[in-house]
Amino acid sequence: MAIIITDECINCDACISECPNTAIYEPDQEWSYADETELNGMVTLPSNGEEVDADAENEPISEEFYFIVPDKCTECEGFHDEPQCASVCPVDCCVPDDNHVETEEQLLAKKAWLYDE
């Protein structure tokens, strides 16, 4: 499953540099699937089969707290033994997202999708 940042976030910035997928963004920041990945042009999301423009800027998911884009979060599978955002968070607000439950196999497939592996 992806990780979510709760409203207990103090916007400390500890998590953002730890994410290997650039899935974490600052509050009120636009984001794209292409940010620091191999994605570009029209792509099919592995989560739901929707076609999206990887280069398009998307509306922020949160205007108050750091946020994680679920379709870019792999829980650090293929990079680390545990989600790095959760391991460095001083207030434990990076928690599993029950709305985006995925198996290890799905997370590794998402990593391969992000980096054209």
N, C-alpha and C. Protein backbone atom coordinates (compact mmCIF):
# COMPACT_ATOMS: atom_id res chain seq x y z
N MET A 1 0.84 -1.18 0.00
CA MET A 1 0.00 0.00 0.00
C MET A 1 0.88 1.23 0.00
N ALA A 2 0.37 2.30 -0.47
CA ALA A 2 1.10 3.56 -0.46
C ALA A 2 1.11 4.11 0.96
N ILE A 3 1.92 5.11 1.15
CA ILE A 3 2.00 5.81 2.43
C ILE A 3 1.23 7.12 2.28
N ILE A 4 0.64 7.58 3.37
CA ILE A 4 -0.06 8.86 3.38
C ILE A 4 0.53 9.69 4.52
N ILE A 5 0.52 10.99 4.34
CA ILE A 5 0.98 11.90 5.39
C ILE A 5 -0.27 12.49 6.04
N THR A 6 -0.38 12.31 7.35
CA THR A 6 -1.58 12.76 8.06
C THR A 6 -1.51 14.26 8.37
N ASP A 7 -2.61 14.78 8.87
CA ASP A 7 -2.67 16.20 9.22
C ASP A 7 -1.87 16.54 10.48
N GLU A 8 -1.20 15.55 11.05
CA GLU A 8 -0.30 15.80 12.17
C GLU A 8 1.06 16.30 11.69
N CYS A 9 1.25 16.35 10.37
CA CYS A 9 2.51 16.78 9.76
C CYS A 9 2.86 18.19 10.23
N ILE A 10 4.14 18.38 10.59
CA ILE A 10 4.61 19.69 11.03
C ILE A 10 5.40 20.39 9.91
N ASN A 11 5.35 19.83 8.70
CA ASN A 11 6.05 20.41 7.54
C ASN A 11 7.53 20.64 7.81
N CYS A 12 8.17 19.64 8.40
CA CYS A 12 9.57 19.77 8.79
C CYS A 12 10.54 19.56 7.63
N ASP A 13 10.07 18.92 6.55
CA ASP A 13 10.90 18.71 5.36
C ASP A 13 11.81 17.49 5.47
N ALA A 14 11.72 16.69 6.52
CA ALA A 14 12.62 15.55 6.68
C ALA A 14 12.36 14.47 5.64
N CYS A 15 11.12 14.28 5.25
CA CYS A 15 10.75 13.16 4.37
C CYS A 15 11.05 13.40 2.90
N ILE A 16 10.95 14.62 2.45
CA ILE A 16 10.96 14.90 1.02
C ILE A 16 12.24 14.43 0.34
N SER A 17 13.37 14.64 0.95
CA SER A 17 14.64 14.24 0.33
C SER A 17 14.90 12.74 0.45
N GLU A 18 14.16 12.05 1.29
CA GLU A 18 14.34 10.62 1.48
C GLU A 18 13.61 9.77 0.44
N CYS A 19 12.64 10.35 -0.26
CA CYS A 19 11.80 9.59 -1.18
C CYS A 19 12.54 9.30 -2.49
N PRO A 20 12.78 8.03 -2.81
CA PRO A 20 13.50 7.70 -4.04
C PRO A 20 12.67 7.92 -5.31
N ASN A 21 11.36 8.10 -5.16
CA ASN A 21 10.47 8.24 -6.31
C ASN A 21 9.98 9.67 -6.54
N THR A 22 10.43 10.60 -5.74
CA THR A 22 9.93 11.96 -5.79
C THR A 22 8.40 11.94 -5.74
N ALA A 23 7.88 11.18 -4.80
CA ALA A 23 6.43 11.06 -4.63
C ALA A 23 5.91 12.03 -3.57
N ILE A 24 6.82 12.68 -2.84
CA ILE A 24 6.44 13.59 -1.77
C ILE A 24 6.63 15.03 -2.24
N TYR A 25 5.63 15.83 -1.98
CA TYR A 25 5.65 17.23 -2.42
C TYR A 25 5.30 18.16 -1.26
N GLU A 26 5.77 19.40 -1.39
CA GLU A 26 5.48 20.42 -0.40
C GLU A 26 4.01 20.83 -0.49
N PRO A 27 3.47 21.36 0.60
CA PRO A 27 2.08 21.83 0.57
C PRO A 27 1.87 22.83 -0.56
N ASP A 28 0.73 22.71 -1.22
CA ASP A 28 0.33 23.65 -2.26
C ASP A 28 1.23 23.61 -3.50
N GLN A 29 1.99 22.52 -3.69
CA GLN A 29 2.88 22.40 -4.85
C GLN A 29 2.23 21.55 -5.94
N GLU A 30 2.26 22.06 -7.18
CA GLU A 30 1.81 21.24 -8.30
C GLU A 30 2.83 20.12 -8.51
N TRP A 31 2.37 19.02 -9.12
CA TRP A 31 3.23 17.86 -9.29
C TRP A 31 2.92 17.20 -10.63
N SER A 32 3.85 16.36 -11.09
CA SER A 32 3.61 15.57 -12.30
C SER A 32 4.20 14.18 -12.12
N TYR A 33 3.69 13.24 -12.89
CA TYR A 33 4.24 11.88 -12.87
C TYR A 33 5.66 11.86 -13.39
N ALA A 34 5.99 12.77 -14.28
CA ALA A 34 7.31 12.81 -14.90
C ALA A 34 8.41 13.31 -13.96
N ASP A 35 8.04 14.00 -12.89
CA ASP A 35 9.05 14.55 -11.98
C ASP A 35 10.03 13.48 -11.53
N GLU A 36 11.27 13.59 -11.97
CA GLU A 36 12.37 12.70 -11.58
C GLU A 36 12.11 11.22 -11.87
N THR A 37 11.28 10.92 -12.86
CA THR A 37 11.06 9.53 -13.28
C THR A 37 11.38 9.44 -14.77
N GLU A 38 11.19 8.27 -15.34
CA GLU A 38 11.39 8.08 -16.78
C GLU A 38 10.09 8.29 -17.56
N LEU A 39 9.02 8.64 -16.89
CA LEU A 39 7.73 8.81 -17.54
C LEU A 39 7.69 10.11 -18.34
N ASN A 40 7.05 10.05 -19.51
CA ASN A 40 6.80 11.26 -20.28
C ASN A 40 5.70 10.97 -21.29
N GLY A 41 5.03 12.03 -21.71
CA GLY A 41 3.93 11.87 -22.65
C GLY A 41 2.76 11.13 -22.02
N MET A 42 1.95 10.51 -22.86
CA MET A 42 0.78 9.78 -22.37
C MET A 42 1.21 8.43 -21.80
N VAL A 43 0.76 8.13 -20.58
CA VAL A 43 1.07 6.88 -19.91
C VAL A 43 -0.20 6.29 -19.31
N THR A 44 -0.17 5.01 -19.03
CA THR A 44 -1.30 4.32 -18.42
C THR A 44 -0.96 4.05 -16.95
N LEU A 45 -1.78 4.55 -16.05
CA LEU A 45 -1.55 4.35 -14.62
C LEU A 45 -1.74 2.88 -14.26
N PRO A 46 -0.79 2.30 -13.55
CA PRO A 46 -0.93 0.89 -13.17
C PRO A 46 -2.06 0.65 -12.16
N SER A 47 -2.45 1.69 -11.43
CA SER A 47 -3.46 1.52 -10.38
C SER A 47 -4.86 1.33 -10.93
N ASN A 48 -5.18 2.01 -12.06
CA ASN A 48 -6.56 1.93 -12.56
C ASN A 48 -6.68 1.91 -14.08
N GLY A 49 -5.56 1.89 -14.78
CA GLY A 49 -5.59 1.82 -16.24
C GLY A 49 -5.93 3.13 -16.93
N GLU A 50 -6.04 4.21 -16.17
CA GLU A 50 -6.37 5.52 -16.73
C GLU A 50 -5.18 6.07 -17.53
N GLU A 51 -5.48 6.69 -18.66
CA GLU A 51 -4.45 7.35 -19.47
C GLU A 51 -4.28 8.78 -18.98
N VAL A 52 -3.03 9.17 -18.70
CA VAL A 52 -2.75 10.53 -18.24
C VAL A 52 -1.51 11.05 -18.95
N ASP A 53 -1.38 12.36 -18.97
CA ASP A 53 -0.18 12.99 -19.51
C ASP A 53 0.83 13.10 -18.36
N ALA A 54 1.91 12.36 -18.46
CA ALA A 54 2.90 12.33 -17.38
C ALA A 54 3.54 13.69 -17.16
N ASP A 55 3.58 14.52 -18.19
CA ASP A 55 4.22 15.82 -18.08
C ASP A 55 3.29 16.92 -17.55
N ALA A 56 2.01 16.64 -17.48
CA ALA A 56 1.04 17.64 -17.04
C ALA A 56 1.22 17.96 -15.56
N GLU A 57 1.06 19.22 -15.24
CA GLU A 57 1.10 19.66 -13.84
C GLU A 57 -0.28 19.40 -13.23
N ASN A 58 -0.28 18.75 -12.07
CA ASN A 58 -1.52 18.41 -11.37
C ASN A 58 -1.69 19.30 -10.14
N GLU A 59 -2.95 19.48 -9.75
CA GLU A 59 -3.27 20.27 -8.57
C GLU A 59 -2.67 19.62 -7.33
N PRO A 60 -2.26 20.42 -6.35
CA PRO A 60 -1.74 19.86 -5.11
C PRO A 60 -2.78 18.98 -4.42
N ILE A 61 -2.34 17.93 -3.79
CA ILE A 61 -3.24 17.05 -3.04
C ILE A 61 -3.57 17.69 -1.69
N SER A 62 -2.64 18.48 -1.16
CA SER A 62 -2.87 19.20 0.10
C SER A 62 -2.31 20.61 -0.02
N GLU A 63 -3.02 21.53 0.55
CA GLU A 63 -2.54 22.91 0.57
C GLU A 63 -1.93 23.28 1.92
N GLU A 64 -2.04 22.36 2.90
CA GLU A 64 -1.57 22.66 4.24
C GLU A 64 -0.36 21.83 4.67
N PHE A 65 -0.29 20.58 4.18
CA PHE A 65 0.74 19.65 4.65
C PHE A 65 1.45 19.01 3.46
N TYR A 66 2.66 18.50 3.73
CA TYR A 66 3.34 17.70 2.72
C TYR A 66 2.40 16.58 2.32
N PHE A 67 2.52 16.11 1.06
CA PHE A 67 1.64 15.04 0.61
C PHE A 67 2.40 14.07 -0.28
N ILE A 68 1.84 12.87 -0.39
CA ILE A 68 2.43 11.80 -1.20
C ILE A 68 1.47 11.48 -2.33
N VAL A 69 1.99 11.40 -3.54
CA VAL A 69 1.20 11.00 -4.70
C VAL A 69 1.16 9.46 -4.70
N PRO A 70 -0.01 8.86 -4.46
CA PRO A 70 -0.10 7.41 -4.33
C PRO A 70 0.42 6.63 -5.53
N ASP A 71 0.20 7.13 -6.74
CA ASP A 71 0.65 6.41 -7.93
C ASP A 71 2.15 6.49 -8.13
N LYS A 72 2.86 7.26 -7.31
CA LYS A 72 4.32 7.31 -7.39
C LYS A 72 4.98 6.64 -6.18
N CYS A 73 4.20 6.32 -5.15
CA CYS A 73 4.75 5.73 -3.93
C CYS A 73 4.87 4.22 -4.07
N THR A 74 6.08 3.72 -3.82
CA THR A 74 6.32 2.27 -3.85
C THR A 74 6.68 1.74 -2.46
N GLU A 75 6.46 2.55 -1.44
CA GLU A 75 6.87 2.21 -0.08
C GLU A 75 8.35 1.87 -0.02
N CYS A 76 9.11 2.41 -0.96
CA CYS A 76 10.55 2.21 -1.07
C CYS A 76 10.93 0.79 -1.47
N GLU A 77 9.96 -0.02 -1.91
CA GLU A 77 10.27 -1.37 -2.39
C GLU A 77 11.26 -1.27 -3.54
N GLY A 78 12.28 -2.12 -3.50
CA GLY A 78 13.30 -2.11 -4.53
C GLY A 78 14.41 -1.11 -4.25
N PHE A 79 14.24 -0.30 -3.21
CA PHE A 79 15.26 0.68 -2.82
C PHE A 79 15.75 0.45 -1.39
N HIS A 80 14.81 0.29 -0.46
CA HIS A 80 15.13 0.18 0.97
C HIS A 80 14.25 -0.89 1.61
N ASP A 81 14.60 -1.29 2.82
CA ASP A 81 13.85 -2.31 3.55
C ASP A 81 12.56 -1.78 4.16
N GLU A 82 12.44 -0.47 4.30
CA GLU A 82 11.26 0.13 4.89
C GLU A 82 11.03 1.51 4.27
N PRO A 83 9.81 2.02 4.34
CA PRO A 83 9.54 3.35 3.81
C PRO A 83 10.40 4.40 4.54
N GLN A 84 11.21 5.10 3.78
CA GLN A 84 12.14 6.06 4.38
C GLN A 84 11.44 7.27 4.97
N CYS A 85 10.33 7.68 4.38
CA CYS A 85 9.60 8.82 4.94
C CYS A 85 9.17 8.53 6.37
N ALA A 86 8.65 7.32 6.58
CA ALA A 86 8.19 6.94 7.92
C ALA A 86 9.36 6.81 8.89
N SER A 87 10.49 6.33 8.40
CA SER A 87 11.63 6.13 9.30
C SER A 87 12.26 7.44 9.77
N VAL A 88 12.13 8.52 8.99
CA VAL A 88 12.73 9.80 9.40
C VAL A 88 11.72 10.79 9.98
N CYS A 89 10.45 10.48 9.93
CA CYS A 89 9.42 11.42 10.38
C CYS A 89 9.46 11.58 11.91
N PRO A 90 9.67 12.80 12.41
CA PRO A 90 9.76 13.01 13.85
C PRO A 90 8.42 12.93 14.59
N VAL A 91 7.31 12.99 13.85
CA VAL A 91 6.00 12.94 14.52
C VAL A 91 5.17 11.73 14.09
N ASP A 92 5.79 10.80 13.39
CA ASP A 92 5.12 9.57 12.95
C ASP A 92 3.83 9.82 12.19
N CYS A 93 3.86 10.76 11.25
CA CYS A 93 2.64 11.05 10.48
C CYS A 93 2.66 10.41 9.09
N CYS A 94 3.71 9.67 8.75
CA CYS A 94 3.77 8.93 7.49
C CYS A 94 3.32 7.50 7.79
N VAL A 95 2.08 7.19 7.42
CA VAL A 95 1.47 5.92 7.80
C VAL A 95 0.90 5.22 6.56
N PRO A 96 0.66 3.90 6.65
CA PRO A 96 0.06 3.20 5.51
C PRO A 96 -1.30 3.80 5.13
N ASP A 97 -1.53 3.89 3.83
CA ASP A 97 -2.78 4.45 3.30
C ASP A 97 -3.74 3.30 3.00
N ASP A 98 -4.74 3.13 3.83
CA ASP A 98 -5.70 2.04 3.67
C ASP A 98 -6.49 2.13 2.37
N ASN A 99 -6.50 3.29 1.73
CA ASN A 99 -7.21 3.46 0.46
C ASN A 99 -6.39 3.02 -0.74
N HIS A 100 -5.12 2.69 -0.52
CA HIS A 100 -4.24 2.28 -1.61
C HIS A 100 -3.42 1.06 -1.18
N VAL A 101 -4.08 -0.07 -0.99
CA VAL A 101 -3.43 -1.29 -0.55
C VAL A 101 -2.85 -2.01 -1.76
N GLU A 102 -1.54 -2.32 -1.69
CA GLU A 102 -0.86 -3.00 -2.79
C GLU A 102 0.07 -4.07 -2.24
N THR A 103 0.28 -5.11 -3.03
CA THR A 103 1.20 -6.17 -2.64
C THR A 103 2.63 -5.75 -2.97
N GLU A 104 3.60 -6.48 -2.46
CA GLU A 104 5.00 -6.22 -2.79
C GLU A 104 5.21 -6.33 -4.30
N GLU A 105 4.58 -7.30 -4.92
CA GLU A 105 4.69 -7.48 -6.37
C GLU A 105 4.15 -6.25 -7.13
N GLN A 106 3.03 -5.72 -6.68
CA GLN A 106 2.46 -4.53 -7.32
C GLN A 106 3.35 -3.31 -7.13
N LEU A 107 3.94 -3.18 -5.95
CA LEU A 107 4.82 -2.05 -5.67
C LEU A 107 6.08 -2.12 -6.54
N LEU A 108 6.63 -3.32 -6.71
CA LEU A 108 7.81 -3.49 -7.56
C LEU A 108 7.46 -3.24 -9.03
N ALA A 109 6.26 -3.63 -9.44
CA ALA A 109 5.81 -3.35 -10.81
C ALA A 109 5.65 -1.84 -11.02
N LYS A 110 5.18 -1.14 -10.00
CA LYS A 110 5.04 0.31 -10.09
C LYS A 110 6.42 0.96 -10.21
N LYS A 111 7.39 0.45 -9.45
CA LYS A 111 8.76 0.96 -9.55
C LYS A 111 9.28 0.78 -10.98
N ALA A 112 9.06 -0.41 -11.54
CA ALA A 112 9.50 -0.68 -12.91
C ALA A 112 8.81 0.26 -13.90
N TRP A 113 7.54 0.56 -13.67
CA TRP A 113 6.79 1.49 -14.53
C TRP A 113 7.37 2.89 -14.44
N LEU A 114 7.69 3.34 -13.24
CA LEU A 114 8.22 4.69 -13.05
C LEU A 114 9.56 4.89 -13.73
N TYR A 115 10.38 3.82 -13.78
CA TYR A 115 11.76 3.95 -14.27
C TYR A 115 12.02 3.17 -15.55
N ASP A 116 10.96 2.73 -16.22
CA ASP A 116 11.09 2.04 -17.50
C ASP A 116 12.08 0.88 -17.41
N GLU A 117 11.89 0.06 -16.37
CA GLU A 117 12.79 -1.09 -16.15
C GLU A 117 12.28 -2.31 -16.86
